[in-house]
Every structure is written in structure tokens, then in C-alpha cells.
N, C-alpha and C. Protein backbone atom coordinates (compact mmCIF):
# COMPACT_ATOMS: atom_id res chain seq x y z
N MET A 1 15.24 -51.01 -24.50
CA MET A 1 16.05 -49.91 -24.76
C MET A 1 15.84 -49.27 -23.62
N ALA A 2 16.56 -48.96 -22.46
CA ALA A 2 16.51 -48.54 -21.42
C ALA A 2 16.63 -46.49 -21.78
N THR A 3 15.96 -46.01 -20.91
CA THR A 3 15.67 -44.63 -21.12
C THR A 3 16.53 -43.91 -19.92
N ILE A 4 17.05 -42.57 -20.57
CA ILE A 4 18.03 -42.04 -19.48
C ILE A 4 17.37 -41.02 -18.73
N LYS A 5 17.22 -40.95 -17.57
CA LYS A 5 16.67 -39.78 -16.62
C LYS A 5 17.35 -38.59 -16.81
N THR A 6 16.74 -37.60 -17.09
CA THR A 6 17.53 -36.16 -16.74
C THR A 6 17.34 -35.45 -15.32
N ARG A 7 17.87 -34.75 -15.15
CA ARG A 7 17.90 -34.17 -13.71
C ARG A 7 16.76 -33.05 -13.96
N THR A 8 15.85 -33.10 -12.73
CA THR A 8 14.74 -32.21 -12.86
C THR A 8 14.68 -31.21 -11.78
N THR A 9 15.81 -31.33 -10.96
CA THR A 9 15.69 -30.61 -9.55
C THR A 9 17.04 -29.89 -10.04
N ARG A 10 16.97 -28.56 -9.17
CA ARG A 10 18.25 -27.44 -9.46
C ARG A 10 19.22 -27.78 -8.44
N ARG A 11 20.39 -27.23 -8.91
CA ARG A 11 21.40 -27.30 -7.86
C ARG A 11 21.27 -26.84 -6.72
N THR A 12 21.79 -27.14 -5.47
CA THR A 12 21.59 -26.32 -4.21
C THR A 12 22.84 -25.66 -3.83
N LYS A 13 23.97 -26.41 -4.05
CA LYS A 13 25.37 -26.07 -3.91
C LYS A 13 26.05 -25.49 -5.03
N PRO A 14 26.95 -24.41 -5.03
CA PRO A 14 27.90 -24.37 -6.43
C PRO A 14 28.70 -25.43 -6.36
N ARG A 15 28.73 -25.49 -7.65
CA ARG A 15 29.46 -26.49 -8.47
C ARG A 15 30.89 -26.66 -8.06
N VAL A 16 31.49 -25.48 -7.55
CA VAL A 16 32.84 -25.55 -7.13
C VAL A 16 33.10 -26.08 -5.82
N SER A 17 34.23 -26.72 -5.83
CA SER A 17 34.65 -26.96 -4.47
C SER A 17 35.82 -25.66 -3.82
N ASP A 18 35.92 -25.63 -2.87
CA ASP A 18 36.85 -24.47 -2.42
C ASP A 18 38.06 -24.27 -3.35
N THR A 19 38.57 -23.27 -3.29
CA THR A 19 39.65 -22.90 -4.13
C THR A 19 40.72 -22.13 -3.50
N GLU A 20 41.88 -22.42 -3.31
CA GLU A 20 43.05 -21.34 -2.87
C GLU A 20 42.54 -19.80 -3.04
N PRO A 21 42.93 -19.29 -2.23
CA PRO A 21 42.78 -17.87 -2.32
C PRO A 21 44.04 -17.57 -3.31
N ALA A 22 43.88 -16.32 -3.97
CA ALA A 22 44.83 -15.83 -4.95
C ALA A 22 46.34 -15.49 -4.19
N GLY A 23 47.13 -15.90 -5.12
CA GLY A 23 48.40 -15.64 -4.23
C GLY A 23 49.02 -16.73 -3.69
N ARG A 24 48.13 -17.60 -3.20
CA ARG A 24 48.68 -18.74 -2.57
C ARG A 24 49.12 -19.92 -3.41
N VAL A 25 50.13 -20.76 -3.20
CA VAL A 25 50.10 -21.80 -4.11
C VAL A 25 49.87 -23.06 -3.41
N PRO A 26 48.83 -23.75 -3.95
CA PRO A 26 48.43 -24.91 -3.36
C PRO A 26 49.24 -26.00 -3.19
N LYS A 27 48.62 -26.91 -2.53
CA LYS A 27 49.97 -28.14 -2.37
C LYS A 27 49.99 -29.26 -3.64
N ALA A 28 48.97 -28.61 -4.51
CA ALA A 28 49.27 -29.58 -5.88
C ALA A 28 50.13 -29.01 -6.73
N ALA A 29 51.31 -28.33 -6.37
CA ALA A 29 51.94 -27.60 -7.16
C ALA A 29 52.97 -28.56 -7.57
N ASP A 30 53.54 -28.65 -8.68
CA ASP A 30 54.64 -29.38 -9.14
C ASP A 30 56.01 -28.43 -9.22
N HIS A 31 56.89 -28.35 -8.39
CA HIS A 31 57.69 -27.29 -8.68
C HIS A 31 59.50 -27.93 -8.95
N ARG A 32 59.81 -27.51 -10.20
CA ARG A 32 61.41 -28.32 -10.27
C ARG A 32 62.27 -27.14 -10.82
N GLY A 33 63.54 -27.41 -10.29
CA GLY A 33 64.30 -26.38 -10.59
C GLY A 33 65.94 -26.98 -11.00
N SER A 34 67.14 -26.58 -11.40
CA SER A 34 67.94 -26.95 -11.80
C SER A 34 69.18 -25.80 -12.06
N ALA A 35 70.37 -26.06 -11.69
CA ALA A 35 71.35 -25.49 -12.00
C ALA A 35 72.43 -26.32 -12.68
N THR A 36 72.83 -26.10 -13.73
CA THR A 36 73.63 -26.91 -14.51
C THR A 36 74.99 -26.08 -15.32
N VAL A 37 75.96 -26.58 -15.26
CA VAL A 37 77.32 -25.97 -15.89
C VAL A 37 77.32 -26.51 -17.30
N LEU A 38 77.19 -25.40 -17.94
CA LEU A 38 77.33 -26.29 -19.52
C LEU A 38 78.59 -26.53 -20.46
N SER A 39 78.92 -26.85 -21.25
CA SER A 39 80.04 -27.12 -21.94
C SER A 39 80.48 -25.94 -22.21
N ASN A 40 80.28 -24.78 -22.35
CA ASN A 40 80.62 -23.40 -22.83
C ASN A 40 81.31 -22.83 -21.42
N GLY A 41 80.89 -23.53 -20.05
CA GLY A 41 81.40 -22.88 -19.15
C GLY A 41 80.25 -21.83 -18.21
N ASN A 42 78.92 -21.57 -19.00
CA ASN A 42 77.83 -20.97 -18.56
C ASN A 42 77.32 -21.81 -17.75
N LEU A 43 76.74 -21.02 -16.80
CA LEU A 43 75.64 -21.81 -15.83
C LEU A 43 74.03 -21.79 -16.42
N GLU A 44 73.31 -22.58 -16.54
CA GLU A 44 72.05 -22.43 -16.98
C GLU A 44 71.30 -22.65 -15.80
N ILE A 45 70.28 -21.69 -15.35
CA ILE A 45 69.16 -22.08 -14.57
C ILE A 45 68.01 -22.21 -15.15
N ALA A 46 67.19 -23.36 -14.63
CA ALA A 46 65.97 -23.59 -15.24
C ALA A 46 65.18 -24.05 -14.04
N VAL A 47 63.77 -23.48 -14.22
CA VAL A 47 62.71 -23.74 -13.40
C VAL A 47 61.22 -24.17 -13.92
N GLN A 48 60.75 -25.39 -13.48
CA GLN A 48 59.33 -25.16 -14.26
C GLN A 48 58.37 -25.67 -12.98
N LEU A 49 57.04 -25.12 -13.51
CA LEU A 49 56.15 -25.02 -12.36
C LEU A 49 54.66 -25.49 -13.14
N SER A 50 53.90 -26.34 -12.44
CA SER A 50 52.73 -26.70 -13.08
C SER A 50 51.91 -26.93 -11.79
N GLU A 51 50.47 -26.49 -11.66
CA GLU A 51 49.79 -26.48 -10.50
C GLU A 51 48.33 -26.89 -10.98
N LEU A 52 47.80 -27.75 -9.86
CA LEU A 52 46.48 -28.53 -10.07
C LEU A 52 45.52 -27.62 -9.33
N VAL A 53 44.59 -26.83 -9.92
CA VAL A 53 43.38 -26.11 -9.09
C VAL A 53 42.41 -26.79 -9.22
N PRO A 54 41.89 -27.07 -8.17
CA PRO A 54 40.65 -27.79 -7.78
C PRO A 54 39.41 -27.12 -7.89
N VAL A 55 38.43 -27.26 -9.19
CA VAL A 55 37.47 -26.86 -9.96
C VAL A 55 36.37 -27.87 -10.18
N ALA A 56 35.37 -27.74 -9.58
CA ALA A 56 34.34 -28.88 -9.59
C ALA A 56 33.73 -29.09 -11.01
N GLN A 57 33.51 -27.89 -11.83
CA GLN A 57 32.81 -27.73 -13.08
C GLN A 57 33.79 -28.28 -14.17
N TYR A 58 35.21 -28.04 -13.73
CA TYR A 58 35.80 -28.56 -14.86
C TYR A 58 36.74 -29.89 -14.61
N ALA A 59 36.21 -30.19 -13.41
CA ALA A 59 36.86 -31.52 -12.76
C ALA A 59 38.21 -31.17 -12.13
N ASN A 60 39.08 -30.31 -12.53
CA ASN A 60 40.62 -29.79 -11.91
C ASN A 60 40.97 -28.88 -13.23
N VAL A 61 41.75 -28.04 -12.79
CA VAL A 61 42.45 -27.24 -14.16
C VAL A 61 43.63 -27.45 -13.61
N THR A 62 44.66 -27.93 -14.96
CA THR A 62 46.11 -27.82 -14.69
C THR A 62 46.56 -26.75 -15.09
N LEU A 63 47.25 -25.81 -14.09
CA LEU A 63 47.91 -24.66 -14.92
C LEU A 63 49.53 -24.98 -15.29
N GLY A 64 49.95 -24.71 -16.42
CA GLY A 64 51.26 -24.86 -16.79
C GLY A 64 51.26 -26.11 -17.51
N PRO A 65 52.62 -27.13 -17.41
CA PRO A 65 53.82 -26.41 -17.03
C PRO A 65 53.93 -25.20 -17.41
N VAL A 66 54.58 -24.22 -16.94
CA VAL A 66 55.50 -23.06 -17.33
C VAL A 66 57.16 -23.20 -17.01
N GLN A 67 57.93 -22.83 -18.08
CA GLN A 67 59.21 -23.09 -17.46
C GLN A 67 59.79 -21.93 -18.01
N LEU A 68 60.91 -21.34 -17.21
CA LEU A 68 62.15 -20.64 -17.60
C LEU A 68 63.34 -20.72 -17.55
N ARG A 69 64.10 -20.89 -18.67
CA ARG A 69 65.65 -21.30 -18.80
C ARG A 69 66.58 -20.33 -19.49
N TRP A 70 67.56 -20.05 -18.78
CA TRP A 70 68.57 -18.88 -18.99
C TRP A 70 69.99 -19.09 -18.64
N GLN A 71 70.78 -18.37 -19.06
CA GLN A 71 72.38 -18.69 -19.05
C GLN A 71 72.75 -17.67 -18.62
N ILE A 72 73.85 -17.93 -17.26
CA ILE A 72 74.56 -16.78 -17.13
C ILE A 72 75.95 -16.96 -16.88
N GLU A 73 76.79 -16.09 -16.81
CA GLU A 73 78.16 -16.79 -16.74
C GLU A 73 78.68 -17.47 -15.26
N ASN A 74 79.27 -18.36 -15.18
CA ASN A 74 79.51 -19.25 -13.96
C ASN A 74 80.10 -18.35 -12.97
N PRO A 75 79.89 -18.37 -11.95
CA PRO A 75 80.02 -17.41 -10.99
C PRO A 75 81.30 -18.38 -10.30
N GLY A 76 81.37 -19.51 -10.69
CA GLY A 76 82.49 -20.32 -10.03
C GLY A 76 81.75 -21.50 -8.90
N ILE A 77 80.93 -21.92 -9.38
CA ILE A 77 80.00 -22.78 -9.06
C ILE A 77 80.80 -24.28 -8.38
N GLU A 78 82.05 -24.29 -9.21
CA GLU A 78 82.77 -25.69 -8.93
C GLU A 78 83.44 -25.37 -7.54
N ALA A 79 83.58 -24.25 -7.02
CA ALA A 79 84.31 -23.96 -5.70
C ALA A 79 83.47 -24.48 -4.52
N LEU A 80 82.06 -24.92 -4.74
CA LEU A 80 81.20 -25.28 -3.73
C LEU A 80 81.46 -27.00 -3.72
N GLY A 81 81.92 -27.25 -4.62
CA GLY A 81 82.04 -28.92 -4.76
C GLY A 81 83.31 -29.35 -3.40
N GLU A 82 83.78 -28.44 -3.04
CA GLU A 82 84.84 -28.92 -1.72
C GLU A 82 84.25 -28.49 -0.17
N VAL A 83 83.08 -27.84 -0.21
CA VAL A 83 82.43 -27.34 0.85
C VAL A 83 82.29 -28.75 1.59
N ASP A 84 82.27 -28.49 3.06
CA ASP A 84 81.78 -29.91 4.12
C ASP A 84 80.58 -29.35 4.51
N TRP A 85 79.40 -29.81 3.69
CA TRP A 85 78.11 -29.53 4.08
C TRP A 85 77.51 -29.98 5.11
N GLU A 86 78.45 -31.04 6.04
CA GLU A 86 77.55 -31.34 7.35
C GLU A 86 78.35 -30.26 8.51
N ALA A 87 79.61 -29.85 8.01
CA ALA A 87 80.18 -28.52 9.21
C ALA A 87 79.43 -27.44 8.54
N ASP A 88 79.02 -26.99 7.59
CA ASP A 88 78.47 -25.91 6.86
C ASP A 88 79.57 -24.80 7.23
N ASN A 89 80.69 -25.11 6.95
CA ASN A 89 81.76 -23.74 7.02
C ASN A 89 82.19 -23.64 5.49
N MET A 90 81.52 -22.53 4.89
CA MET A 90 81.93 -22.12 4.05
C MET A 90 83.01 -20.78 3.98
N THR A 91 83.97 -20.91 3.01
CA THR A 91 84.78 -19.22 3.08
C THR A 91 83.90 -18.55 2.34
N ALA A 92 84.45 -17.08 2.76
CA ALA A 92 83.54 -16.03 2.09
C ALA A 92 83.19 -15.59 0.66
N GLU A 93 84.35 -16.55 0.00
CA GLU A 93 84.20 -16.56 -1.48
C GLU A 93 83.11 -17.77 -1.83
N GLN A 94 83.05 -18.69 -1.09
CA GLN A 94 82.15 -19.87 -1.37
C GLN A 94 80.83 -19.20 -0.91
N GLN A 95 80.51 -18.75 -0.01
CA GLN A 95 79.25 -17.98 0.43
C GLN A 95 78.92 -17.09 -0.37
N ALA A 96 79.69 -16.36 -0.81
CA ALA A 96 79.24 -15.45 -2.04
C ALA A 96 78.45 -16.10 -3.49
N ILE A 97 79.29 -17.19 -3.60
CA ILE A 97 79.02 -17.81 -4.91
C ILE A 97 77.64 -18.73 -4.52
N TYR A 98 77.31 -19.06 -3.49
CA TYR A 98 76.43 -19.93 -3.03
C TYR A 98 74.92 -18.93 -2.98
N ASP A 99 75.41 -17.64 -2.29
CA ASP A 99 74.16 -16.89 -2.34
C ASP A 99 73.86 -16.44 -3.85
N LYS A 100 74.85 -16.16 -4.54
CA LYS A 100 74.47 -15.87 -6.09
C LYS A 100 73.74 -16.55 -6.64
N VAL A 101 74.10 -17.89 -6.70
CA VAL A 101 73.56 -18.87 -7.48
C VAL A 101 72.09 -19.30 -6.95
N ARG A 102 71.96 -19.07 -5.75
CA ARG A 102 70.85 -19.35 -4.93
C ARG A 102 69.60 -18.37 -5.25
N GLY A 103 70.27 -16.91 -5.07
CA GLY A 103 69.31 -16.05 -5.85
C GLY A 103 69.10 -16.01 -6.93
N TYR A 104 69.84 -16.51 -8.00
CA TYR A 104 69.27 -17.03 -9.20
C TYR A 104 68.54 -17.88 -9.48
N LEU A 105 68.51 -19.09 -8.70
CA LEU A 105 67.28 -19.83 -8.59
C LEU A 105 65.89 -19.28 -8.15
N ARG A 106 66.08 -18.30 -6.71
CA ARG A 106 64.73 -17.86 -6.32
C ARG A 106 64.03 -16.79 -7.26
N ALA A 107 64.97 -15.95 -7.98
CA ALA A 107 64.21 -15.28 -8.72
C ALA A 107 63.58 -15.49 -10.07
N THR A 108 64.33 -16.64 -10.50
CA THR A 108 63.67 -17.44 -11.75
C THR A 108 62.19 -18.01 -11.28
N SER A 109 62.30 -19.08 -10.10
CA SER A 109 61.15 -19.59 -9.41
C SER A 109 60.29 -18.31 -9.15
N LYS A 110 60.56 -17.24 -8.48
CA LYS A 110 59.51 -16.21 -8.48
C LYS A 110 58.84 -15.64 -9.48
N LEU A 111 59.63 -15.62 -10.88
CA LEU A 111 58.99 -15.09 -11.97
C LEU A 111 58.09 -16.29 -12.38
N ILE A 112 58.07 -17.68 -12.27
CA ILE A 112 57.20 -18.47 -12.80
C ILE A 112 56.07 -18.39 -11.87
N GLU A 113 56.20 -18.48 -10.45
CA GLU A 113 55.21 -18.21 -9.51
C GLU A 113 54.16 -17.45 -9.96
N HIS A 114 54.68 -16.24 -10.25
CA HIS A 114 53.98 -14.92 -10.47
C HIS A 114 52.91 -15.09 -12.02
N SER A 115 53.83 -16.08 -12.63
CA SER A 115 52.99 -16.32 -13.90
C SER A 115 51.87 -17.13 -13.86
N ILE A 116 52.14 -18.33 -12.87
CA ILE A 116 50.80 -19.05 -12.52
C ILE A 116 50.04 -18.66 -11.56
N ALA A 117 50.19 -17.50 -10.99
CA ALA A 117 49.32 -16.77 -10.03
C ALA A 117 48.33 -16.05 -10.77
N GLU A 118 48.54 -15.33 -12.11
CA GLU A 118 48.03 -15.00 -12.81
C GLU A 118 46.94 -15.78 -13.24
N ASP A 119 47.38 -16.88 -13.86
CA ASP A 119 46.65 -17.81 -14.70
C ASP A 119 45.30 -18.38 -13.27
N ARG A 120 45.97 -18.43 -12.23
CA ARG A 120 45.20 -19.09 -11.16
C ARG A 120 43.82 -18.03 -10.94
N GLU A 121 44.45 -16.84 -10.90
CA GLU A 121 43.29 -15.73 -10.82
C GLU A 121 42.01 -15.81 -12.09
N LEU A 122 42.57 -15.95 -13.03
CA LEU A 122 41.60 -15.97 -14.21
C LEU A 122 40.83 -17.28 -13.95
N VAL A 123 41.04 -18.32 -13.47
CA VAL A 123 40.34 -19.37 -13.33
C VAL A 123 39.20 -19.24 -12.08
N GLU A 124 39.77 -18.75 -11.12
CA GLU A 124 38.96 -18.05 -9.96
C GLU A 124 38.07 -17.17 -10.27
N GLU A 125 38.28 -16.31 -11.26
CA GLU A 125 37.26 -15.44 -11.63
C GLU A 125 36.24 -15.86 -12.51
N SER A 126 36.76 -17.02 -13.26
CA SER A 126 35.62 -17.68 -14.38
C SER A 126 34.96 -18.56 -13.24
N VAL A 127 35.19 -19.14 -12.30
CA VAL A 127 34.37 -19.87 -11.41
C VAL A 127 33.66 -19.17 -10.59
N ARG A 128 33.75 -17.75 -10.41
CA ARG A 128 33.15 -17.15 -9.48
C ARG A 128 32.03 -16.54 -10.30
N LEU A 129 32.25 -16.28 -11.66
CA LEU A 129 31.31 -15.57 -12.01
C LEU A 129 29.96 -16.94 -12.59
N HIS A 130 31.00 -18.07 -12.95
CA HIS A 130 29.97 -19.14 -13.25
C HIS A 130 28.89 -19.33 -12.16
N ASN A 131 29.41 -19.49 -11.18
CA ASN A 131 28.61 -19.54 -9.94
C ASN A 131 27.47 -18.55 -9.26
N GLU A 132 27.83 -16.96 -9.87
CA GLU A 132 26.99 -16.11 -9.93
C GLU A 132 25.73 -16.17 -10.85
N ARG A 133 26.14 -16.75 -12.38
CA ARG A 133 25.14 -17.10 -13.45
C ARG A 133 24.46 -17.81 -12.92
N GLU A 134 24.93 -18.97 -12.31
CA GLU A 134 23.91 -19.86 -12.13
C GLU A 134 22.82 -19.67 -10.77
N ALA A 135 23.45 -19.10 -9.87
CA ALA A 135 22.57 -18.53 -8.90
C ALA A 135 21.58 -17.70 -9.34
N GLU A 136 21.92 -16.68 -10.51
CA GLU A 136 20.81 -15.48 -11.15
C GLU A 136 20.06 -16.82 -11.82
N GLU A 137 19.98 -17.34 -12.48
CA GLU A 137 19.58 -18.33 -13.41
C GLU A 137 18.31 -19.27 -12.17
N GLU A 138 18.87 -19.50 -10.84
CA GLU A 138 18.18 -20.37 -10.46
C GLU A 138 17.09 -19.46 -9.58
N ALA A 139 17.56 -18.18 -9.19
CA ALA A 139 16.57 -16.88 -8.42
C ALA A 139 15.38 -16.73 -9.62
N ALA A 140 15.84 -16.52 -10.63
CA ALA A 140 14.76 -16.37 -12.20
C ALA A 140 13.98 -17.58 -12.12
N ALA A 141 14.40 -18.52 -12.17
CA ALA A 141 13.40 -19.82 -12.46
C ALA A 141 12.49 -19.83 -10.99
N ALA A 142 12.89 -19.29 -9.58
CA ALA A 142 12.01 -19.66 -8.50
C ALA A 142 11.15 -18.38 -9.03
N LYS A 143 11.28 -17.11 -9.48
CA LYS A 143 10.22 -16.34 -9.43
C LYS A 143 9.30 -16.48 -10.37
N LYS A 144 9.55 -17.31 -11.59
CA LYS A 144 8.80 -17.88 -12.85
C LYS A 144 7.36 -18.13 -11.97
N PRO A 145 5.95 -17.73 -12.56
CA PRO A 145 4.57 -18.66 -11.92
C PRO A 145 4.81 -19.70 -12.60
N THR A 146 4.47 -20.72 -11.71
CA THR A 146 4.23 -21.92 -12.28
C THR A 146 2.56 -22.04 -13.05
N ARG A 147 2.58 -22.81 -13.88
CA ARG A 147 1.05 -23.29 -14.44
C ARG A 147 0.42 -24.03 -13.49
N ARG A 148 -0.82 -23.74 -13.57
CA ARG A 148 -1.67 -24.75 -12.68
C ARG A 148 -2.41 -25.44 -13.68
N ARG A 149 -2.29 -26.61 -13.41
CA ARG A 149 -3.34 -27.67 -14.37
C ARG A 149 -4.53 -28.05 -13.39
N ARG A 150 -5.65 -27.98 -14.59
CA ARG A 150 -6.85 -28.19 -14.12
C ARG A 150 -7.45 -29.30 -14.85
């Protein structure tokens, strides 16, 4: 029967790998959004975001997915079907519709990002506290007098 060795030395580096500063969305974010015209004529805006935060002691933490879906009266998005996107020449009416729908998508996306940022800050605070506790335990262990064997 094999015996399992336990670790007898203390960790010299914190368990955590570098995390992104609070408020920044790391590259590991999965962001999806859509605008759909429903059968009742309304426009449905939907955005979903999930994010992977690198945290060594938890192997990584996935935040989300967080999703927000809502309906608004269609501002006439079908008028954008006639736009020559290569020439980028919209009429004033088309530009107004484009700006309105884009604003809806951006506002929805920002609400989701703020929600994820709050969760990320909680994870980073937990990691910081964990590392502080580990450092305190290591300092306390170093201060303990060692027994001398005769």
C-alpha cells in the first residue's frame, strides 16, 4: 500500500495569480447581445455576459452568466434594411433609428457589465483576505519557538 506524503513546508508565494483591477473586464469575458423584432412588433433587446476570473485557490471563478432582456416599442428598425452599409449613407431618419437601437444595446450592456464588476470585486476582496490570512498564519508559525530535541 502506497503512502501519501503531505506537504511539510509553507507556501512562499500567495496562492492567487494576478487578477484584473476592479472595473476592468478581462479578456475572458463572453459577451452576447441581440435585438429582435417580435411578432407583436416590439423590439426585444437581450444581452448576456459571463466572465472567467483567474483565481488560483479556486482554480478560476466564473461570474455569470447574467442576462437582461426587455421589450420596447419598435422605433422602425426595418428602415435600416435599406441602408447601403458599404457606402455608409443613412438618411436622418435611419440615423436616428440606428442611434436609438444602438443606445438601447449599449445601455443594456452597461447594466450587465456593472453587475459583473460588483461580483468581480467580491471575488478579488475574498482573494485579498485569504492571502492576508495565509501571511498572518505564516508569520505566527515563524514566531513560534521550535522544540529542541535532546
